[in-house]
Amino acid sequence: MSDPDLPTSDLSPVADAGAGDFGLGVAPRLERLRKRWQFLAAANGLRAARGAVLIQILPRGEADPTPGAIGVGFTATRKIGGAVVRNRAKRRLREAARMLLPLHGRPGHDYVFVARAGTPGREWGRLLDDVKTALISLAAGRGDPPPGPRPARAKPAQSKGAKTSPPASRKTAPGAPAGADASPPPPR
């Protein structure tokens, strides 16, 4: 029995899915991405950045053990904040993905949700809208290509206490006093 005074939840992805969407109205199964190589592979696919979220997508291979499933992973870098802020951002993205990925995701693909600086504090309705528009454009194949190769990193500065050689103009000959120049004396 349902209580007419209680609000009904329209957030169930199966309730909104039509019979033609996934067969008999059954949403595709979501599988978590847990291995680093899965995240790195998805980074080479299409991407869509909308507001407070970046979503990466990559088709699963032919050897996929669960062909109709959708792979989903979540990540947040230290740039957006400390551990508490990152965990909040990932929790919000997990819930948004649980609600929207069965409706707008493509079965047989892996998705990686990357939290951006605005994810933890974004208004919930706007965050859902960001995720929904990104998923719709990715499902239509209108994402951005992966970025090109990164430039080589600069060599890190030497740590304190490491031996460094004096500048070339200050070198001294062995056994010479500290202020003496290493070059031979001028001819007389």
Foldseek 3Di string as FASTA:
>chain_A
DDDPVDDDDPQQQLVPDDCPRQPHSDFAAEAEDDDPVVVVVQLQAFWAFFDFKIKGKDAADPPDPRQFHEYEYEDEDCVLHDPVQRVLLRVLVVVLCNRPCSPQNGGRMYMYIYGHNCRNPDDSVVVNVRVNVRSNCVSVVNGHGRDDDDDDDDDDDDDPPDDDDDDPQQDPDPPDDNRDGNDDDDDD
